Amino acid sequence: EFVIGINERDIFRHKDAEGNWSGKDIKLIEAVFRRTP
């Protein structure tokens, strides 16, 4: 399990109203990890 440290930034990586991670970088992180074990 990789621990990813990130600073919050609007649009790129931030928590939404429900406290879930959102943004362009988060979508990219998900897409990258889907291609790894």
PDB file of all heavy atoms in Angstrom:
ATOM      1  N   GLU A   1       0.854  -1.180   0.000  1.00  0.00           N
ATOM      2  CA  GLU A   1       0.000   0.000   0.000  1.00  0.00           C
ATOM      3  C   GLU A   1       0.894   1.236   0.000  1.00  0.00           C
ATOM      4  O   GLU A   1       1.713   1.410   0.891  1.00  0.00           O
ATOM      5  CB  GLU A   1      -0.907   0.029   1.236  1.00  0.00           C
ATOM      6  CG  GLU A   1      -1.801   1.264   1.267  1.00  0.00           C
ATOM      7  CD  GLU A   1      -2.605   1.386   2.551  1.00  0.00           C
ATOM      8  OE1 GLU A   1      -1.980   1.601   3.614  1.00  0.00           O
ATOM      9  OE2 GLU A   1      -3.843   1.263   2.490  1.00  0.00           O
ATOM     10  N   PHE A   2       0.725   2.080  -0.993  1.00  0.00           N
ATOM     11  CA  PHE A   2       1.528   3.294  -1.098  1.00  0.00           C
ATOM     12  C   PHE A   2       0.829   4.442  -0.379  1.00  0.00           C
ATOM     13  O   PHE A   2      -0.342   4.720  -0.624  1.00  0.00           O
ATOM     14  CB  PHE A   2       1.735   3.663  -2.573  1.00  0.00           C
ATOM     15  CG  PHE A   2       2.815   2.854  -3.241  1.00  0.00           C
ATOM     16  CD1 PHE A   2       2.584   1.539  -3.613  1.00  0.00           C
ATOM     17  CD2 PHE A   2       4.060   3.417  -3.485  1.00  0.00           C
ATOM     18  CE1 PHE A   2       3.586   0.789  -4.220  1.00  0.00           C
ATOM     19  CE2 PHE A   2       5.060   2.669  -4.094  1.00  0.00           C
ATOM     20  CZ  PHE A   2       4.827   1.357  -4.459  1.00  0.00           C
ATOM     21  N   VAL A   3       1.560   5.079   0.509  1.00  0.00           N
ATOM     22  CA  VAL A   3       1.055   6.259   1.206  1.00  0.00           C
ATOM     23  C   VAL A   3       1.436   7.486   0.383  1.00  0.00           C
ATOM     24  O   VAL A   3       2.622   7.765   0.170  1.00  0.00           O
ATOM     25  CB  VAL A   3       1.643   6.376   2.623  1.00  0.00           C
ATOM     26  CG1 VAL A   3       1.119   7.642   3.308  1.00  0.00           C
ATOM     27  CG2 VAL A   3       1.287   5.136   3.438  1.00  0.00           C
ATOM     28  N   ILE A   4       0.422   8.206  -0.110  1.00  0.00           N
ATOM     29  CA  ILE A   4       0.640   9.365  -0.976  1.00  0.00           C
ATOM     30  C   ILE A   4       0.406  10.640  -0.176  1.00  0.00           C
ATOM     31  O   ILE A   4      -0.696  10.881   0.317  1.00  0.00           O
ATOM     32  CB  ILE A   4      -0.322   9.346  -2.185  1.00  0.00           C
ATOM     33  CG1 ILE A   4      -0.273   7.991  -2.901  1.00  0.00           C
ATOM     34  CG2 ILE A   4       0.031  10.469  -3.155  1.00  0.00           C
ATOM     35  CD1 ILE A   4      -1.310   7.849  -4.003  1.00  0.00           C
ATOM     36  N   GLY A   5       1.430  11.455  -0.041  1.00  0.00           N
ATOM     37  CA  GLY A   5       1.292  12.742   0.618  1.00  0.00           C
ATOM     38  C   GLY A   5       1.010  13.829  -0.412  1.00  0.00           C
ATOM     39  O   GLY A   5       1.743  13.947  -1.393  1.00  0.00           O
ATOM     40  N   ILE A   6      -0.059  14.582  -0.226  1.00  0.00           N
ATOM     41  CA  ILE A   6      -0.387  15.659  -1.164  1.00  0.00           C
ATOM     42  C   ILE A   6      -0.886  16.893  -0.411  1.00  0.00           C
ATOM     43  O   ILE A   6      -1.487  16.785   0.650  1.00  0.00           O
ATOM     44  CB  ILE A   6      -1.446  15.238  -2.220  1.00  0.00           C
ATOM     45  CG1 ILE A   6      -2.735  14.760  -1.546  1.00  0.00           C
ATOM     46  CG2 ILE A   6      -0.905  14.184  -3.161  1.00  0.00           C
ATOM     47  CD1 ILE A   6      -3.841  14.449  -2.532  1.00  0.00           C
ATOM     48  N   ASN A   7      -0.603  18.052  -0.985  1.00  0.00           N
ATOM     49  CA  ASN A   7      -1.185  19.297  -0.474  1.00  0.00           C
ATOM     50  C   ASN A   7      -2.451  19.584  -1.270  1.00  0.00           C
ATOM     51  O   ASN A   7      -2.496  19.393  -2.483  1.00  0.00           O
ATOM     52  CB  ASN A   7      -0.188  20.453  -0.602  1.00  0.00           C
ATOM     53  CG  ASN A   7       0.250  20.696  -2.034  1.00  0.00           C
ATOM     54  OD1 ASN A   7       0.460  19.750  -2.787  1.00  0.00           O
ATOM     55  ND2 ASN A   7       0.406  21.947  -2.415  1.00  0.00           N
ATOM     56  N   GLU A   8      -3.488  20.031  -0.586  1.00  0.00           N
ATOM     57  CA  GLU A   8      -4.764  20.272  -1.251  1.00  0.00           C
ATOM     58  C   GLU A   8      -4.676  21.485  -2.170  1.00  0.00           C
ATOM     59  O   GLU A   8      -4.072  22.500  -1.830  1.00  0.00           O
ATOM     60  CB  GLU A   8      -5.878  20.476  -0.224  1.00  0.00           C
ATOM     61  CG  GLU A   8      -6.213  19.204   0.544  1.00  0.00           C
ATOM     62  CD  GLU A   8      -7.485  19.331   1.349  1.00  0.00           C
ATOM     63  OE1 GLU A   8      -8.542  19.613   0.746  1.00  0.00           O
ATOM     64  OE2 GLU A   8      -7.427  19.154   2.571  1.00  0.00           O
ATOM     65  N   ARG A   9      -5.276  21.360  -3.347  1.00  0.00           N
ATOM     66  CA  ARG A   9      -5.334  22.447  -4.329  1.00  0.00           C
ATOM     67  C   ARG A   9      -6.664  22.368  -5.061  1.00  0.00           C
ATOM     68  O   ARG A   9      -7.090  21.279  -5.459  1.00  0.00           O
ATOM     69  CB  ARG A   9      -4.184  22.340  -5.343  1.00  0.00           C
ATOM     70  CG  ARG A   9      -2.810  22.595  -4.780  1.00  0.00           C
ATOM     71  CD  ARG A   9      -1.747  22.444  -5.839  1.00  0.00           C
ATOM     72  NE  ARG A   9      -1.956  23.349  -6.956  1.00  0.00           N
ATOM     73  CZ  ARG A   9      -1.203  23.349  -8.062  1.00  0.00           C
ATOM     74  NH1 ARG A   9      -0.217  22.493  -8.188  1.00  0.00           N
ATOM     75  NH2 ARG A   9      -1.456  24.205  -9.030  1.00  0.00           N
ATOM     76  N   ASP A  10      -7.305  23.507  -5.242  1.00  0.00           N
ATOM     77  CA  ASP A  10      -8.564  23.523  -5.982  1.00  0.00           C
ATOM     78  C   ASP A  10      -8.361  22.947  -7.374  1.00  0.00           C
ATOM     79  O   ASP A  10      -7.307  23.132  -7.984  1.00  0.00           O
ATOM     80  CB  ASP A  10      -9.110  24.951  -6.094  1.00  0.00           C
ATOM     81  CG  ASP A  10      -9.676  25.439  -4.775  1.00  0.00           C
ATOM     82  OD1 ASP A  10     -10.206  24.605  -4.027  1.00  0.00           O
ATOM     83  OD2 ASP A  10      -9.565  26.644  -4.490  1.00  0.00           O
ATOM     84  N   ILE A  11      -9.380  22.259  -7.861  1.00  0.00           N
ATOM     85  CA  ILE A  11      -9.426  21.609  -9.174  1.00  0.00           C
ATOM     86  C   ILE A  11      -8.545  20.364  -9.209  1.00  0.00           C
ATOM     87  O   ILE A  11      -8.985  19.294  -9.606  1.00  0.00           O
ATOM     88  CB  ILE A  11      -9.025  22.549 -10.332  1.00  0.00           C
ATOM     89  CG1 ILE A  11      -9.966  23.741 -10.382  1.00  0.00           C
ATOM     90  CG2 ILE A  11      -9.043  21.801 -11.670  1.00  0.00           C
ATOM     91  CD1 ILE A  11      -9.665  24.715 -11.491  1.00  0.00           C
ATOM     92  N   PHE A  12      -7.296  20.451  -8.769  1.00  0.00           N
ATOM     93  CA  PHE A  12      -6.376  19.331  -8.905  1.00  0.00           C
ATOM     94  C   PHE A  12      -6.590  18.254  -7.840  1.00  0.00           C
ATOM     95  O   PHE A  12      -6.657  17.072  -8.147  1.00  0.00           O
ATOM     96  CB  PHE A  12      -4.930  19.819  -8.859  1.00  0.00           C
ATOM     97  CG  PHE A  12      -4.536  20.601 -10.079  1.00  0.00           C
ATOM     98  CD1 PHE A  12      -4.243  21.945  -9.988  1.00  0.00           C
ATOM     99  CD2 PHE A  12      -4.477  19.992 -11.318  1.00  0.00           C
ATOM    100  CE1 PHE A  12      -3.889  22.682 -11.112  1.00  0.00           C
ATOM    101  CE2 PHE A  12      -4.129  20.708 -12.452  1.00  0.00           C
ATOM    102  CZ  PHE A  12      -3.842  22.065 -12.349  1.00  0.00           C
ATOM    103  N   ARG A  13      -6.685  18.646  -6.577  1.00  0.00           N
ATOM    104  CA  ARG A  13      -6.819  17.656  -5.498  1.00  0.00           C
ATOM    105  C   ARG A  13      -7.372  18.346  -4.252  1.00  0.00           C
ATOM    106  O   ARG A  13      -6.697  19.161  -3.635  1.00  0.00           O
ATOM    107  CB  ARG A  13      -5.471  16.995  -5.213  1.00  0.00           C
ATOM    108  CG  ARG A  13      -4.298  17.974  -5.163  1.00  0.00           C
ATOM    109  CD  ARG A  13      -2.980  17.233  -5.134  1.00  0.00           C
ATOM    110  NE  ARG A  13      -1.875  18.118  -4.854  1.00  0.00           N
ATOM    111  CZ  ARG A  13      -1.020  18.571  -5.780  1.00  0.00           C
ATOM    112  NH1 ARG A  13      -1.164  18.207  -7.043  1.00  0.00           N
ATOM    113  NH2 ARG A  13      -0.015  19.354  -5.440  1.00  0.00           N
ATOM    114  N   HIS A  14      -8.585  17.994  -3.915  1.00  0.00           N
ATOM    115  CA  HIS A  14      -9.247  18.624  -2.784  1.00  0.00           C
ATOM    116  C   HIS A  14     -10.349  17.700  -2.279  1.00  0.00           C
ATOM    117  O   HIS A  14     -10.749  16.743  -2.958  1.00  0.00           O
ATOM    118  CB  HIS A  14      -9.858  19.972  -3.200  1.00  0.00           C
ATOM    119  CG  HIS A  14     -10.839  19.859  -4.327  1.00  0.00           C
ATOM    120  ND1 HIS A  14     -12.176  19.643  -4.113  1.00  0.00           N
ATOM    121  CD2 HIS A  14     -10.671  19.881  -5.675  1.00  0.00           C
ATOM    122  CE1 HIS A  14     -12.796  19.566  -5.280  1.00  0.00           C
ATOM    123  NE2 HIS A  14     -11.907  19.696  -6.247  1.00  0.00           N
ATOM    124  N   LYS A  15     -10.856  17.980  -1.089  1.00  0.00           N
ATOM    125  CA  LYS A  15     -11.951  17.186  -0.537  1.00  0.00           C
ATOM    126  C   LYS A  15     -13.277  17.880  -0.811  1.00  0.00           C
ATOM    127  O   LYS A  15     -13.395  19.099  -0.662  1.00  0.00           O
ATOM    128  CB  LYS A  15     -11.754  16.984   0.962  1.00  0.00           C
ATOM    129  CG  LYS A  15     -10.624  16.009   1.281  1.00  0.00           C
ATOM    130  CD  LYS A  15     -10.569  15.665   2.753  1.00  0.00           C
ATOM    131  CE  LYS A  15      -9.493  14.619   3.001  1.00  0.00           C
ATOM    132  NZ  LYS A  15      -9.411  14.241   4.440  1.00  0.00           N
ATOM    133  N   ASP A  16     -14.261  17.091  -1.246  1.00  0.00           N
ATOM    134  CA  ASP A  16     -15.573  17.655  -1.555  1.00  0.00           C
ATOM    135  C   ASP A  16     -16.393  17.825  -0.274  1.00  0.00           C
ATOM    136  O   ASP A  16     -15.895  17.598   0.839  1.00  0.00           O
ATOM    137  CB  ASP A  16     -16.313  16.796  -2.585  1.00  0.00           C
ATOM    138  CG  ASP A  16     -16.544  15.366  -2.106  1.00  0.00           C
ATOM    139  OD1 ASP A  16     -16.554  15.132  -0.870  1.00  0.00           O
ATOM    140  OD2 ASP A  16     -16.741  14.479  -2.955  1.00  0.00           O
ATOM    141  N   ALA A  17     -17.640  18.213  -0.436  1.00  0.00           N
ATOM    142  CA  ALA A  17     -18.506  18.489   0.723  1.00  0.00           C
ATOM    143  C   ALA A  17     -18.691  17.265   1.613  1.00  0.00           C
ATOM    144  O   ALA A  17     -18.923  17.386   2.815  1.00  0.00           O
ATOM    145  CB  ALA A  17     -19.862  19.001   0.240  1.00  0.00           C
ATOM    146  N   GLU A  18     -18.597  16.073   1.036  1.00  0.00           N
ATOM    147  CA  GLU A  18     -18.755  14.836   1.813  1.00  0.00           C
ATOM    148  C   GLU A  18     -17.435  14.348   2.403  1.00  0.00           C
ATOM    149  O   GLU A  18     -17.374  13.298   3.058  1.00  0.00           O
ATOM    150  CB  GLU A  18     -19.347  13.726   0.934  1.00  0.00           C
ATOM    151  CG  GLU A  18     -20.818  13.893   0.614  1.00  0.00           C
ATOM    152  CD  GLU A  18     -21.063  14.968  -0.431  1.00  0.00           C
ATOM    153  OE1 GLU A  18     -20.285  15.024  -1.407  1.00  0.00           O
ATOM    154  OE2 GLU A  18     -22.002  15.764  -0.244  1.00  0.00           O
ATOM    155  N   GLY A  19     -16.348  15.088   2.140  1.00  0.00           N
ATOM    156  CA  GLY A  19     -15.046  14.691   2.670  1.00  0.00           C
ATOM    157  C   GLY A  19     -14.295  13.704   1.814  1.00  0.00           C
ATOM    158  O   GLY A  19     -13.275  13.144   2.231  1.00  0.00           O
ATOM    159  N   ASN A  20     -14.782  13.475   0.577  1.00  0.00           N
ATOM    160  CA  ASN A  20     -14.115  12.561  -0.343  1.00  0.00           C
ATOM    161  C   ASN A  20     -13.129  13.329  -1.214  1.00  0.00           C
ATOM    162  O   ASN A  20     -13.379  14.478  -1.592  1.00  0.00           O
ATOM    163  CB  ASN A  20     -15.146  11.860  -1.231  1.00  0.00           C
ATOM    164  CG  ASN A  20     -16.129  11.051  -0.428  1.00  0.00           C
ATOM    165  OD1 ASN A  20     -15.748  10.287   0.460  1.00  0.00           O
ATOM    166  ND2 ASN A  20     -17.416  11.204  -0.728  1.00  0.00           N
ATOM    167  N   TRP A  21     -12.038  12.671  -1.570  1.00  0.00           N
ATOM    168  CA  TRP A  21     -11.051  13.309  -2.429  1.00  0.00           C
ATOM    169  C   TRP A  21     -11.611  13.475  -3.842  1.00  0.00           C
ATOM    170  O   TRP A  21     -12.276  12.584  -4.367  1.00  0.00           O
ATOM    171  CB  TRP A  21      -9.774  12.492  -2.478  1.00  0.00           C
ATOM    172  CG  TRP A  21      -8.917  12.672  -1.259  1.00  0.00           C
ATOM    173  CD1 TRP A  21      -8.789  11.804  -0.212  1.00  0.00           C
ATOM    174  CD2 TRP A  21      -8.096  13.797  -0.958  1.00  0.00           C
ATOM    175  NE1 TRP A  21      -7.940  12.326   0.727  1.00  0.00           N
ATOM    176  CE2 TRP A  21      -7.485  13.536   0.292  1.00  0.00           C
ATOM    177  CE3 TRP A  21      -7.804  14.991  -1.624  1.00  0.00           C
ATOM    178  CZ2 TRP A  21      -6.602  14.446   0.898  1.00  0.00           C
ATOM    179  CZ3 TRP A  21      -6.924  15.889  -1.023  1.00  0.00           C
ATOM    180  CH2 TRP A  21      -6.340  15.615   0.220  1.00  0.00           C
ATOM    181  N   SER A  22     -11.331  14.609  -4.440  1.00  0.00           N
ATOM    182  CA  SER A  22     -11.841  14.923  -5.772  1.00  0.00           C
ATOM    183  C   SER A  22     -10.803  15.738  -6.528  1.00  0.00           C
ATOM    184  O   SER A  22      -9.845  16.240  -5.944  1.00  0.00           O
ATOM    185  CB  SER A  22     -13.151  15.705  -5.648  1.00  0.00           C
ATOM    186  OG  SER A  22     -13.719  15.955  -6.911  1.00  0.00           O
ATOM    187  N   GLY A  23     -10.991  15.850  -7.851  1.00  0.00           N
ATOM    188  CA  GLY A  23     -10.109  16.689  -8.652  1.00  0.00           C
ATOM    189  C   GLY A  23      -9.350  15.915  -9.713  1.00  0.00           C
ATOM    190  O   GLY A  23      -9.349  14.684  -9.742  1.00  0.00           O
ATOM    191  N   LYS A  24      -8.697  16.645 -10.584  1.00  0.00           N
ATOM    192  CA  LYS A  24      -7.989  16.060 -11.728  1.00  0.00           C
ATOM    193  C   LYS A  24      -6.897  15.095 -11.284  1.00  0.00           C
ATOM    194  O   LYS A  24      -6.776  13.986 -11.815  1.00  0.00           O
ATOM    195  CB  LYS A  24      -7.397  17.167 -12.600  1.00  0.00           C
ATOM    196  CG  LYS A  24      -6.692  16.649 -13.846  1.00  0.00           C
ATOM    197  CD  LYS A  24      -6.241  17.785 -14.746  1.00  0.00           C
ATOM    198  CE  LYS A  24      -5.552  17.255 -15.998  1.00  0.00           C
ATOM    199  NZ  LYS A  24      -5.158  18.343 -16.922  1.00  0.00           N
ATOM    200  N   ASP A  25      -6.065  15.498 -10.333  1.00  0.00           N
ATOM    201  CA  ASP A  25      -4.976  14.624  -9.889  1.00  0.00           C
ATOM    202  C   ASP A  25      -5.506  13.349  -9.262  1.00  0.00           C
ATOM    203  O   ASP A  25      -4.904  12.279  -9.399  1.00  0.00           O
ATOM    204  CB  ASP A  25      -4.080  15.355  -8.892  1.00  0.00           C
ATOM    205  CG  ASP A  25      -3.159  16.356  -9.573  1.00  0.00           C
ATOM    206  OD1 ASP A  25      -3.134  16.399 -10.811  1.00  0.00           O
ATOM    207  OD2 ASP A  25      -2.471  17.115  -8.858  1.00  0.00           O
ATOM    208  N   ILE A  26      -6.627  13.439  -8.563  1.00  0.00           N
ATOM    209  CA  ILE A  26      -7.215  12.252  -7.927  1.00  0.00           C
ATOM    210  C   ILE A  26      -7.687  11.264  -9.001  1.00  0.00           C
ATOM    211  O   ILE A  26      -7.472  10.050  -8.887  1.00  0.00           O
ATOM    212  CB  ILE A  26      -8.377  12.638  -6.997  1.00  0.00           C
ATOM    213  CG1 ILE A  26      -7.906  13.646  -5.948  1.00  0.00           C
ATOM    214  CG2 ILE A  26      -8.958  11.387  -6.340  1.00  0.00           C
ATOM    215  CD1 ILE A  26      -6.736  13.185  -5.100  1.00  0.00           C
ATOM    216  N   LYS A  27      -8.330  11.786 -10.051  1.00  0.00           N
ATOM    217  CA  LYS A  27      -8.746  10.920 -11.169  1.00  0.00           C
ATOM    218  C   LYS A  27      -7.536  10.251 -11.818  1.00  0.00           C
ATOM    219  O   LYS A  27      -7.575   9.063 -12.182  1.00  0.00           O
ATOM    220  CB  LYS A  27      -9.483  11.753 -12.222  1.00  0.00           C
ATOM    221  CG  LYS A  27     -10.862  12.245 -11.800  1.00  0.00           C
ATOM    222  CD  LYS A  27     -11.891  11.148 -11.870  1.00  0.00           C
ATOM    223  CE  LYS A  27     -13.289  11.706 -11.643  1.00  0.00           C
ATOM    224  NZ  LYS A  27     -14.299  10.639 -11.590  1.00  0.00           N
ATOM    225  N   LEU A  28      -6.445  11.026 -11.952  1.00  0.00           N
ATOM    226  CA  LEU A  28      -5.239  10.471 -12.561  1.00  0.00           C
ATOM    227  C   LEU A  28      -4.597   9.423 -11.654  1.00  0.00           C
ATOM    228  O   LEU A  28      -4.112   8.392 -12.134  1.00  0.00           O
ATOM    229  CB  LEU A  28      -4.245  11.591 -12.872  1.00  0.00           C
ATOM    230  CG  LEU A  28      -4.650  12.540 -13.999  1.00  0.00           C
ATOM    231  CD1 LEU A  28      -3.662  13.695 -14.109  1.00  0.00           C
ATOM    232  CD2 LEU A  28      -4.741  11.804 -15.338  1.00  0.00           C
ATOM    233  N   ILE A  29      -4.579   9.682 -10.340  1.00  0.00           N
ATOM    234  CA  ILE A  29      -4.038   8.699  -9.396  1.00  0.00           C
ATOM    235  C   ILE A  29      -4.808   7.383  -9.515  1.00  0.00           C
ATOM    236  O   ILE A  29      -4.220   6.296  -9.583  1.00  0.00           O
ATOM    237  CB  ILE A  29      -4.124   9.231  -7.946  1.00  0.00           C
ATOM    238  CG1 ILE A  29      -3.105  10.354  -7.724  1.00  0.00           C
ATOM    239  CG2 ILE A  29      -3.886   8.101  -6.930  1.00  0.00           C
ATOM    240  CD1 ILE A  29      -3.285  11.097  -6.413  1.00  0.00           C
ATOM    241  N   GLU A  30      -6.140   7.482  -9.557  1.00  0.00           N
ATOM    242  CA  GLU A  30      -6.966   6.281  -9.683  1.00  0.00           C
ATOM    243  C   GLU A  30      -6.638   5.523 -10.971  1.00  0.00           C
ATOM    244  O   GLU A  30      -6.514   4.292 -10.971  1.00  0.00           O
ATOM    245  CB  GLU A  30      -8.449   6.664  -9.681  1.00  0.00           C
ATOM    246  CG  GLU A  30      -8.951   7.214  -8.345  1.00  0.00           C
ATOM    247  CD  GLU A  30     -10.349   7.810  -8.452  1.00  0.00           C
ATOM    248  OE1 GLU A  30     -10.877   7.890  -9.577  1.00  0.00           O
ATOM    249  OE2 GLU A  30     -10.904   8.196  -7.404  1.00  0.00           O
ATOM    250  N   ALA A  31      -6.475   6.265 -12.069  1.00  0.00           N
ATOM    251  CA  ALA A  31      -6.201   5.641 -13.364  1.00  0.00           C
ATOM    252  C   ALA A  31      -4.827   4.977 -13.388  1.00  0.00           C
ATOM    253  O   ALA A  31      -4.641   3.920 -13.996  1.00  0.00           O
ATOM    254  CB  ALA A  31      -6.295   6.692 -14.469  1.00  0.00           C
ATOM    255  N   VAL A  32      -3.854   5.598 -12.736  1.00  0.00           N
ATOM    256  CA  VAL A  32      -2.510   5.023 -12.674  1.00  0.00           C
ATOM    257  C   VAL A  32      -2.515   3.744 -11.844  1.00  0.00           C
ATOM    258  O   VAL A  32      -1.995   2.705 -12.278  1.00  0.00           O
ATOM    259  CB  VAL A  32      -1.498   6.036 -12.080  1.00  0.00           C
ATOM    260  CG1 VAL A  32      -0.162   5.343 -11.778  1.00  0.00           C
ATOM    261  CG2 VAL A  32      -1.277   7.196 -13.038  1.00  0.00           C
ATOM    262  N   PHE A  33      -3.113   3.787 -10.657  1.00  0.00           N
ATOM    263  CA  PHE A  33      -3.075   2.621  -9.776  1.00  0.00           C
ATOM    264  C   PHE A  33      -3.874   1.452 -10.332  1.00  0.00           C
ATOM    265  O   PHE A  33      -3.565   0.293 -10.008  1.00  0.00           O
ATOM    266  CB  PHE A  33      -3.547   3.004  -8.369  1.00  0.00           C
ATOM    267  CG  PHE A  33      -2.427   3.471  -7.483  1.00  0.00           C
ATOM    268  CD1 PHE A  33      -2.020   4.798  -7.511  1.00  0.00           C
ATOM    269  CD2 PHE A  33      -1.758   2.592  -6.644  1.00  0.00           C
ATOM    270  CE1 PHE A  33      -0.982   5.243  -6.702  1.00  0.00           C
ATOM    271  CE2 PHE A  33      -0.715   3.009  -5.830  1.00  0.00           C
ATOM    272  CZ  PHE A  33      -0.320   4.350  -5.860  1.00  0.00           C
ATOM    273  N   ARG A  34      -4.882   1.717 -11.145  1.00  0.00           N
ATOM    274  CA  ARG A  34      -5.605   0.620 -11.799  1.00  0.00           C
ATOM    275  C   ARG A  34      -4.678  -0.181 -12.695  1.00  0.00           C
ATOM    276  O   ARG A  34      -4.957  -1.351 -12.975  1.00  0.00           O
ATOM    277  CB  ARG A  34      -6.761   1.161 -12.654  1.00  0.00           C
ATOM    278  CG  ARG A  34      -7.994   1.544 -11.901  1.00  0.00           C
ATOM    279  CD  ARG A  34      -9.235   1.506 -12.793  1.00  0.00           C
ATOM    280  NE  ARG A  34      -9.018   2.098 -14.098  1.00  0.00           N
ATOM    281  CZ  ARG A  34      -9.183   3.385 -14.380  1.00  0.00           C
ATOM    282  NH1 ARG A  34      -9.572   4.220 -13.428  1.00  0.00           N
ATOM    283  NH2 ARG A  34      -8.971   3.854 -15.600  1.00  0.00           N
ATOM    284  N   ARG A  35      -3.605   0.413 -13.131  1.00  0.00           N
ATOM    285  CA  ARG A  35      -2.645  -0.232 -14.029  1.00  0.00           C
ATOM    286  C   ARG A  35      -1.437  -0.798 -13.277  1.00  0.00           C
ATOM    287  O   ARG A  35      -0.424  -1.132 -13.893  1.00  0.00           O
ATOM    288  CB  ARG A  35      -2.204   0.773 -15.099  1.00  0.00           C
ATOM    289  CG  ARG A  35      -3.328   1.162 -16.061  1.00  0.00           C
ATOM    290  CD  ARG A  35      -2.947   2.354 -16.918  1.00  0.00           C
ATOM    291  NE  ARG A  35      -3.868   2.529 -18.043  1.00  0.00           N
ATOM    292  CZ  ARG A  35      -5.034   3.167 -17.973  1.00  0.00           C
ATOM    293  NH1 ARG A  35      -5.421   3.699 -16.817  1.00  0.00           N
ATOM    294  NH2 ARG A  35      -5.809   3.277 -19.034  1.00  0.00           N
ATOM    295  N   THR A  36      -1.543  -0.881 -11.956  1.00  0.00           N
ATOM    296  CA  THR A  36      -0.489  -1.480 -11.129  1.00  0.00           C
ATOM    297  C   THR A  36      -1.123  -2.524 -10.219  1.00  0.00           C
ATOM    298  O   THR A  36      -2.346  -2.569 -10.082  1.00  0.00           O
ATOM    299  CB  THR A  36       0.208  -0.416 -10.244  1.00  0.00           C
ATOM    300  OG1 THR A  36      -0.650  -0.076  -9.144  1.00  0.00           O
ATOM    301  CG2 THR A  36       0.569   0.828 -11.038  1.00  0.00           C
ATOM    302  N   PRO A  37      -0.310  -3.344  -9.542  1.00  0.00           N
ATOM    303  CA  PRO A  37      -0.859  -4.299  -8.586  1.00  0.00           C
ATOM    304  C   PRO A  37      -0.999  -3.706  -7.183  1.00  0.00           C
ATOM    305  O   PRO A  37      -1.278  -4.434  -6.231  1.00  0.00           O
ATOM    306  CB  PRO A  37       0.184  -5.425  -8.594  1.00  0.00           C
ATOM    307  CG  PRO A  37       1.461  -4.733  -8.877  1.00  0.00           C
ATOM    308  CD  PRO A  37       1.128  -3.601  -9.802  1.00  0.00           C
TER     309      PRO A  37
END
